[in-house]
PDB file of all heavy atoms in Angstrom:
ATOM      1  N   CYS A   1     -20.254   6.422   3.778  1.00  0.00           N
ATOM      2  CA  CYS A   1     -19.539   5.623   4.725  1.00  0.00           C
ATOM      3  C   CYS A   1     -19.174   4.218   4.010  1.00  0.00           C
ATOM      4  O   CYS A   1     -18.083   3.673   4.141  1.00  0.00           O
ATOM      5  CB  CYS A   1     -20.304   5.517   6.029  1.00  0.00           C
ATOM      6  SG  CYS A   1     -19.475   4.414   7.276  1.00  0.00           S
ATOM      7  N   LEU A   2     -20.212   3.693   3.366  1.00  0.00           N
ATOM      8  CA  LEU A   2     -20.009   2.375   2.716  1.00  0.00           C
ATOM      9  C   LEU A   2     -18.981   2.482   1.605  1.00  0.00           C
ATOM     10  O   LEU A   2     -18.110   1.689   1.330  1.00  0.00           O
ATOM     11  CB  LEU A   2     -21.302   1.910   2.157  1.00  0.00           C
ATOM     12  CG  LEU A   2     -21.371   0.711   1.217  1.00  0.00           C
ATOM     13  CD1 LEU A   2     -20.848  -0.555   2.032  1.00  0.00           C
ATOM     14  CD2 LEU A   2     -22.643   0.487   0.570  1.00  0.00           C
ATOM     15  N   TYR A   3     -19.066   3.694   0.851  1.00  0.00           N
ATOM     16  CA  TYR A   3     -18.122   3.825  -0.356  1.00  0.00           C
ATOM     17  C   TYR A   3     -16.689   3.979   0.285  1.00  0.00           C
ATOM     18  O   TYR A   3     -15.727   3.635  -0.396  1.00  0.00           O
ATOM     19  CB  TYR A   3     -18.531   5.110  -1.005  1.00  0.00           C
ATOM     20  CG  TYR A   3     -19.870   4.908  -1.820  1.00  0.00           C
ATOM     21  CD1 TYR A   3     -20.631   6.001  -2.058  1.00  0.00           C
ATOM     22  CD2 TYR A   3     -20.407   3.714  -2.121  1.00  0.00           C
ATOM     23  CE1 TYR A   3     -21.846   5.836  -2.668  1.00  0.00           C
ATOM     24  CE2 TYR A   3     -21.619   3.515  -2.743  1.00  0.00           C
ATOM     25  CZ  TYR A   3     -22.314   4.636  -3.061  1.00  0.00           C
ATOM     26  OH  TYR A   3     -23.592   4.474  -3.730  1.00  0.00           O
ATOM     27  N   VAL A   4     -16.496   4.585   1.403  1.00  0.00           N
ATOM     28  CA  VAL A   4     -15.219   4.814   1.990  1.00  0.00           C
ATOM     29  C   VAL A   4     -14.603   3.455   2.346  1.00  0.00           C
ATOM     30  O   VAL A   4     -13.430   3.166   2.067  1.00  0.00           O
ATOM     31  CB  VAL A   4     -15.221   5.724   3.358  1.00  0.00           C
ATOM     32  CG1 VAL A   4     -13.809   5.641   4.027  1.00  0.00           C
ATOM     33  CG2 VAL A   4     -15.531   7.240   2.868  1.00  0.00           C
ATOM     34  N   VAL A   5     -15.443   2.545   2.757  1.00  0.00           N
ATOM     35  CA  VAL A   5     -14.970   1.168   3.117  1.00  0.00           C
ATOM     36  C   VAL A   5     -14.613   0.543   1.744  1.00  0.00           C
ATOM     37  O   VAL A   5     -13.542  -0.155   1.756  1.00  0.00           O
ATOM     38  CB  VAL A   5     -15.993   0.485   3.847  1.00  0.00           C
ATOM     39  CG1 VAL A   5     -15.653  -0.975   4.095  1.00  0.00           C
ATOM     40  CG2 VAL A   5     -16.272   0.980   5.290  1.00  0.00           C
ATOM     41  N   VAL A   6     -15.449   0.629   0.776  1.00  0.00           N
ATOM     42  CA  VAL A   6     -15.323   0.003  -0.426  1.00  0.00           C
ATOM     43  C   VAL A   6     -13.841   0.539  -1.057  1.00  0.00           C
ATOM     44  O   VAL A   6     -13.137  -0.261  -1.553  1.00  0.00           O
ATOM     45  CB  VAL A   6     -16.344   0.072  -1.376  1.00  0.00           C
ATOM     46  CG1 VAL A   6     -15.989  -0.334  -2.799  1.00  0.00           C
ATOM     47  CG2 VAL A   6     -17.556  -0.574  -0.894  1.00  0.00           C
ATOM     48  N   ALA A   7     -13.585   1.834  -1.026  1.00  0.00           N
ATOM     49  CA  ALA A   7     -12.536   2.414  -1.579  1.00  0.00           C
ATOM     50  C   ALA A   7     -11.195   2.048  -0.912  1.00  0.00           C
ATOM     51  O   ALA A   7     -10.048   2.074  -1.587  1.00  0.00           O
ATOM     52  CB  ALA A   7     -12.634   3.993  -1.581  1.00  0.00           C
ATOM     53  N   THR A   8     -11.256   1.529   0.329  1.00  0.00           N
ATOM     54  CA  THR A   8     -10.048   1.014   0.989  1.00  0.00           C
ATOM     55  C   THR A   8      -9.571  -0.292   0.574  1.00  0.00           C
ATOM     56  O   THR A   8      -8.559  -0.789   0.895  1.00  0.00           O
ATOM     57  CB  THR A   8     -10.174   1.177   2.499  1.00  0.00           C
ATOM     58  OG1 THR A   8     -11.280   0.296   2.908  1.00  0.00           O
ATOM     59  CG2 THR A   8     -10.503   2.479   3.026  1.00  0.00           C
ATOM     60  N   ILE A   9     -10.629  -1.056   0.060  1.00  0.00           N
ATOM     61  CA  ILE A   9     -10.264  -2.491  -0.366  1.00  0.00           C
ATOM     62  C   ILE A   9      -9.104  -2.641  -1.335  1.00  0.00           C
ATOM     63  O   ILE A   9      -8.224  -3.465  -0.999  1.00  0.00           O
ATOM     64  CB  ILE A   9     -11.616  -3.045  -0.909  1.00  0.00           C
ATOM     65  CG1 ILE A   9     -12.673  -3.236   0.104  1.00  0.00           C
ATOM     66  CG2 ILE A   9     -11.219  -4.555  -1.510  1.00  0.00           C
ATOM     67  CD1 ILE A   9     -13.853  -3.825  -0.446  1.00  0.00           C
ATOM     68  N   PRO A  10      -8.951  -1.804  -2.339  1.00  0.00           N
ATOM     69  CA  PRO A  10      -7.836  -2.065  -3.268  1.00  0.00           C
ATOM     70  C   PRO A  10      -6.472  -1.864  -2.544  1.00  0.00           C
ATOM     71  O   PRO A  10      -5.511  -2.587  -2.654  1.00  0.00           O
ATOM     72  CB  PRO A  10      -7.945  -1.088  -4.323  1.00  0.00           C
ATOM     73  CG  PRO A  10      -9.539  -0.787  -4.379  1.00  0.00           C
ATOM     74  CD  PRO A  10      -9.884  -0.976  -2.998  1.00  0.00           C
ATOM     75  N   THR A  11      -6.324  -0.821  -1.741  1.00  0.00           N
ATOM     76  CA  THR A  11      -5.135  -0.567  -0.899  1.00  0.00           C
ATOM     77  C   THR A  11      -5.017  -1.675   0.109  1.00  0.00           C
ATOM     78  O   THR A  11      -3.733  -2.038   0.224  1.00  0.00           O
ATOM     79  CB  THR A  11      -5.212   0.854  -0.126  1.00  0.00           C
ATOM     80  OG1 THR A  11      -5.482   1.843  -1.129  1.00  0.00           O
ATOM     81  CG2 THR A  11      -3.964   1.137   0.693  1.00  0.00           C
ATOM     82  N   GLY A  12      -6.016  -2.115   0.704  1.00  0.00           N
ATOM     83  CA  GLY A  12      -5.867  -3.200   1.636  1.00  0.00           C
ATOM     84  C   GLY A  12      -5.277  -4.455   1.089  1.00  0.00           C
ATOM     85  O   GLY A  12      -4.395  -5.178   1.598  1.00  0.00           O
ATOM     86  N   LEU A  13      -5.753  -4.742  -0.093  1.00  0.00           N
ATOM     87  CA  LEU A  13      -5.247  -6.025  -0.802  1.00  0.00           C
ATOM     88  C   LEU A  13      -3.834  -5.741  -1.321  1.00  0.00           C
ATOM     89  O   LEU A  13      -3.093  -6.684  -1.294  1.00  0.00           O
ATOM     90  CB  LEU A  13      -6.108  -6.238  -2.017  1.00  0.00           C
ATOM     91  CG  LEU A  13      -7.538  -6.645  -1.833  1.00  0.00           C
ATOM     92  CD1 LEU A  13      -8.415  -6.740  -3.104  1.00  0.00           C
ATOM     93  CD2 LEU A  13      -7.574  -8.052  -1.095  1.00  0.00           C
ATOM     94  N   LEU A  14      -3.531  -4.547  -1.669  1.00  0.00           N
ATOM     95  CA  LEU A  14      -2.094  -4.219  -2.101  1.00  0.00           C
ATOM     96  C   LEU A  14      -1.239  -4.434  -0.862  1.00  0.00           C
ATOM     97  O   LEU A  14      -0.163  -5.099  -1.017  1.00  0.00           O
ATOM     98  CB  LEU A  14      -1.979  -2.813  -2.484  1.00  0.00           C
ATOM     99  CG  LEU A  14      -0.706  -2.459  -3.226  1.00  0.00           C
ATOM    100  CD1 LEU A  14      -0.432  -3.107  -4.523  1.00  0.00           C
ATOM    101  CD2 LEU A  14      -0.701  -0.902  -3.501  1.00  0.00           C
ATOM    102  N   GLY A  15      -1.545  -3.955   0.296  1.00  0.00           N
ATOM    103  CA  GLY A  15      -0.821  -4.171   1.497  1.00  0.00           C
ATOM    104  C   GLY A  15      -0.681  -5.621   1.929  1.00  0.00           C
ATOM    105  O   GLY A  15       0.421  -6.040   2.381  1.00  0.00           O
ATOM    106  N   VAL A  16      -1.711  -6.375   1.658  1.00  0.00           N
ATOM    107  CA  VAL A  16      -1.626  -7.790   2.086  1.00  0.00           C
ATOM    108  C   VAL A  16      -0.583  -8.566   1.273  1.00  0.00           C
ATOM    109  O   VAL A  16       0.184  -9.478   1.773  1.00  0.00           O
ATOM    110  CB  VAL A  16      -2.893  -8.424   2.034  1.00  0.00           C
ATOM    111  CG1 VAL A  16      -2.902 -10.023   2.146  1.00  0.00           C
ATOM    112  CG2 VAL A  16      -3.823  -7.890   3.176  1.00  0.00           C
ATOM    113  N   PHE A  17      -0.698  -8.349  -0.032  1.00  0.00           N
ATOM    114  CA  PHE A  17       0.076  -9.126  -0.985  1.00  0.00           C
ATOM    115  C   PHE A  17       1.530  -8.604  -1.251  1.00  0.00           C
ATOM    116  O   PHE A  17       2.447  -9.345  -1.514  1.00  0.00           O
ATOM    117  CB  PHE A  17      -0.641  -9.316  -2.374  1.00  0.00           C
ATOM    118  CG  PHE A  17      -1.946  -9.994  -2.358  1.00  0.00           C
ATOM    119  CD1 PHE A  17      -3.104  -9.413  -2.279  1.00  0.00           C
ATOM    120  CD2 PHE A  17      -1.822 -11.435  -2.044  1.00  0.00           C
ATOM    121  CE1 PHE A  17      -4.313 -10.296  -2.186  1.00  0.00           C
ATOM    122  CE2 PHE A  17      -2.963 -12.266  -2.025  1.00  0.00           C
ATOM    123  CZ  PHE A  17      -4.208 -11.575  -2.070  1.00  0.00           C
ATOM    124  N   VAL A  18       1.675  -7.208  -1.197  1.00  0.00           N
ATOM    125  CA  VAL A  18       3.060  -6.693  -1.541  1.00  0.00           C
ATOM    126  C   VAL A  18       3.484  -5.793  -0.462  1.00  0.00           C
ATOM    127  O   VAL A  18       4.368  -5.013  -0.615  1.00  0.00           O
ATOM    128  CB  VAL A  18       3.030  -6.022  -2.809  1.00  0.00           C
ATOM    129  CG1 VAL A  18       2.854  -6.994  -3.927  1.00  0.00           C
ATOM    130  CG2 VAL A  18       1.980  -4.843  -2.861  1.00  0.00           C
ATOM    131  N   GLY A  19       2.903  -5.840   0.861  1.00  0.00           N
ATOM    132  CA  GLY A  19       3.253  -5.093   1.866  1.00  0.00           C
ATOM    133  C   GLY A  19       4.702  -5.038   2.190  1.00  0.00           C
ATOM    134  O   GLY A  19       5.349  -4.029   2.407  1.00  0.00           O
ATOM    135  N   PRO A  20       5.363  -6.168   2.484  1.00  0.00           N
ATOM    136  CA  PRO A  20       6.767  -6.259   2.732  1.00  0.00           C
ATOM    137  C   PRO A  20       7.742  -5.724   1.822  1.00  0.00           C
ATOM    138  O   PRO A  20       8.693  -4.859   2.076  1.00  0.00           O
ATOM    139  CB  PRO A  20       7.057  -7.810   2.942  1.00  0.00           C
ATOM    140  CG  PRO A  20       5.677  -8.375   3.257  1.00  0.00           C
ATOM    141  CD  PRO A  20       4.758  -7.525   2.438  1.00  0.00           C
ATOM    142  N   SER A  21       7.324  -5.751   0.550  1.00  0.00           N
ATOM    143  CA  SER A  21       8.064  -5.210  -0.613  1.00  0.00           C
ATOM    144  C   SER A  21       8.006  -3.677  -0.584  1.00  0.00           C
ATOM    145  O   SER A  21       9.023  -2.962  -0.717  1.00  0.00           O
ATOM    146  CB  SER A  21       7.611  -5.786  -1.932  1.00  0.00           C
ATOM    147  OG  SER A  21       7.806  -7.150  -2.084  1.00  0.00           O
ATOM    148  N   MET A  22       6.767  -3.183  -0.247  1.00  0.00           N
ATOM    149  CA  MET A  22       6.554  -1.788  -0.208  1.00  0.00           C
ATOM    150  C   MET A  22       7.378  -1.137   0.954  1.00  0.00           C
ATOM    151  O   MET A  22       7.869  -0.060   0.819  1.00  0.00           O
ATOM    152  CB  MET A  22       5.094  -1.439   0.009  1.00  0.00           C
ATOM    153  CG  MET A  22       4.207  -1.826  -1.270  1.00  0.00           C
ATOM    154  SD  MET A  22       2.411  -1.735  -0.867  1.00  0.00           S
ATOM    155  CE  MET A  22       2.285   0.102  -0.508  1.00  0.00           C
ATOM    156  N   GLU A  23       7.412  -1.816   2.042  1.00  0.00           N
ATOM    157  CA  GLU A  23       8.229  -1.400   3.184  1.00  0.00           C
ATOM    158  C   GLU A  23       9.702  -1.271   2.888  1.00  0.00           C
ATOM    159  O   GLU A  23      10.394  -0.436   3.277  1.00  0.00           O
ATOM    160  CB  GLU A  23       7.973  -2.268   4.534  1.00  0.00           C
ATOM    161  CG  GLU A  23       6.621  -2.032   5.149  1.00  0.00           C
ATOM    162  CD  GLU A  23       6.506  -0.526   5.689  1.00  0.00           C
ATOM    163  OE1 GLU A  23       7.518  -0.057   6.204  1.00  0.00           O
ATOM    164  OE2 GLU A  23       5.554  -0.004   5.549  1.00  0.00           O
ATOM    165  N   ALA A  24      10.144  -2.254   2.161  1.00  0.00           N
ATOM    166  CA  ALA A  24      11.614  -2.296   1.725  1.00  0.00           C
ATOM    167  C   ALA A  24      11.755  -1.099   0.796  1.00  0.00           C
ATOM    168  O   ALA A  24      12.926  -0.464   0.908  1.00  0.00           O
ATOM    169  CB  ALA A  24      11.999  -3.688   1.096  1.00  0.00           C
ATOM    170  N   LEU A  25      11.009  -0.870  -0.089  1.00  0.00           N
ATOM    171  CA  LEU A  25      11.053   0.204  -1.091  1.00  0.00           C
ATOM    172  C   LEU A  25      11.142   1.542  -0.307  1.00  0.00           C
ATOM    173  O   LEU A  25      11.715   2.520  -0.687  1.00  0.00           O
ATOM    174  CB  LEU A  25      10.035   0.246  -2.147  1.00  0.00           C
ATOM    175  CG  LEU A  25      10.147  -0.841  -3.189  1.00  0.00           C
ATOM    176  CD1 LEU A  25       9.007  -0.851  -4.149  1.00  0.00           C
ATOM    177  CD2 LEU A  25      11.490  -0.738  -3.971  1.00  0.00           C
ATOM    178  N   SER A  26      10.309   1.545   0.728  1.00  0.00           N
ATOM    179  CA  SER A  26      10.180   3.038   1.447  1.00  0.00           C
ATOM    180  C   SER A  26      11.459   3.431   2.071  1.00  0.00           C
ATOM    181  O   SER A  26      11.732   4.591   2.452  1.00  0.00           O
ATOM    182  CB  SER A  26       9.156   2.807   2.435  1.00  0.00           C
ATOM    183  OG  SER A  26       9.467   2.002   3.622  1.00  0.00           O
ATOM    184  N   ALA A  27      12.386   2.395   2.253  1.00  0.00           N
ATOM    185  CA  ALA A  27      13.746   2.667   2.867  1.00  0.00           C
ATOM    186  C   ALA A  27      14.731   3.178   1.839  1.00  0.00           C
ATOM    187  O   ALA A  27      15.721   3.749   2.179  1.00  0.00           O
ATOM    188  CB  ALA A  27      14.270   1.596   3.540  1.00  0.00           C
ATOM    189  N   ASP A  28      14.266   3.053   0.616  1.00  0.00           N
ATOM    190  CA  ASP A  28      15.246   3.532  -0.504  1.00  0.00           C
ATOM    191  C   ASP A  28      14.824   4.926  -0.888  1.00  0.00           C
ATOM    192  O   ASP A  28      13.852   5.097  -1.607  1.00  0.00           O
ATOM    193  CB  ASP A  28      15.016   2.606  -1.707  1.00  0.00           C
ATOM    194  CG  ASP A  28      15.957   2.878  -2.834  1.00  0.00           C
ATOM    195  OD1 ASP A  28      16.678   4.004  -2.838  1.00  0.00           O
ATOM    196  OD2 ASP A  28      16.252   1.994  -3.801  1.00  0.00           O
ATOM    197  N   VAL A  29      15.636   5.898  -0.527  1.00  0.00           N
ATOM    198  CA  VAL A  29      15.353   7.265  -0.743  1.00  0.00           C
ATOM    199  C   VAL A  29      15.235   7.621  -2.233  1.00  0.00           C
ATOM    200  O   VAL A  29      14.411   8.491  -2.769  1.00  0.00           O
ATOM    201  CB  VAL A  29      16.326   8.243  -0.062  1.00  0.00           C
ATOM    202  CG1 VAL A  29      17.646   8.072  -0.745  1.00  0.00           C
ATOM    203  CG2 VAL A  29      15.783   9.622  -0.104  1.00  0.00           C
ATOM    204  N   THR A  30      16.020   6.932  -3.114  1.00  0.00           N
ATOM    205  CA  THR A  30      15.918   7.139  -4.554  1.00  0.00           C
ATOM    206  C   THR A  30      14.650   6.685  -5.065  1.00  0.00           C
ATOM    207  O   THR A  30      13.998   7.471  -5.995  1.00  0.00           O
ATOM    208  CB  THR A  30      17.000   6.290  -5.346  1.00  0.00           C
ATOM    209  OG1 THR A  30      18.292   6.678  -4.678  1.00  0.00           O
ATOM    210  CG2 THR A  30      17.061   6.617  -6.770  1.00  0.00           C
ATOM    211  N   TRP A  31      14.119   5.703  -4.650  1.00  0.00           N
ATOM    212  CA  TRP A  31      12.695   5.133  -5.028  1.00  0.00           C
ATOM    213  C   TRP A  31      11.707   6.166  -4.561  1.00  0.00           C
ATOM    214  O   TRP A  31      10.771   6.423  -5.285  1.00  0.00           O
ATOM    215  CB  TRP A  31      12.485   3.786  -4.521  1.00  0.00           C
ATOM    216  CG  TRP A  31      10.982   3.305  -4.597  1.00  0.00           C
ATOM    217  CD1 TRP A  31      10.104   3.440  -3.788  1.00  0.00           C
ATOM    218  CD2 TRP A  31      10.309   2.902  -5.783  1.00  0.00           C
ATOM    219  NE1 TRP A  31       8.851   3.002  -4.176  1.00  0.00           N
ATOM    220  CE2 TRP A  31       8.967   2.680  -5.550  1.00  0.00           C
ATOM    221  CE3 TRP A  31      10.842   2.531  -7.118  1.00  0.00           C
ATOM    222  CZ2 TRP A  31       8.115   2.203  -6.348  1.00  0.00           C
ATOM    223  CZ3 TRP A  31       9.925   2.049  -7.969  1.00  0.00           C
ATOM    224  CH2 TRP A  31       8.576   1.974  -7.619  1.00  0.00           C
ATOM    225  N   VAL A  32      11.757   6.563  -3.331  1.00  0.00           N
ATOM    226  CA  VAL A  32      10.801   7.527  -2.749  1.00  0.00           C
ATOM    227  C   VAL A  32      10.772   8.777  -3.569  1.00  0.00           C
ATOM    228  O   VAL A  32       9.694   9.305  -4.040  1.00  0.00           O
ATOM    229  CB  VAL A  32      11.089   7.804  -1.235  1.00  0.00           C
ATOM    230  CG1 VAL A  32      10.050   8.942  -0.834  1.00  0.00           C
ATOM    231  CG2 VAL A  32      10.901   6.571  -0.450  1.00  0.00           C
ATOM    232  N   ALA A  33      11.953   9.299  -3.913  1.00  0.00           N
ATOM    233  CA  ALA A  33      12.047  10.653  -4.762  1.00  0.00           C
ATOM    234  C   ALA A  33      11.457  10.399  -6.170  1.00  0.00           C
ATOM    235  O   ALA A  33      10.566  11.171  -6.607  1.00  0.00           O
ATOM    236  CB  ALA A  33      13.515  11.088  -4.862  1.00  0.00           C
TER     237      ALA A  33
END
């Protein structure tokens, strides 16, 4: 359980710092493919 929490930290930090950019890219079907 502790390791699951620790493993989510990198993704959480990624979402905090570049979340808006990721959402913008998710609308680009070429990037998604």
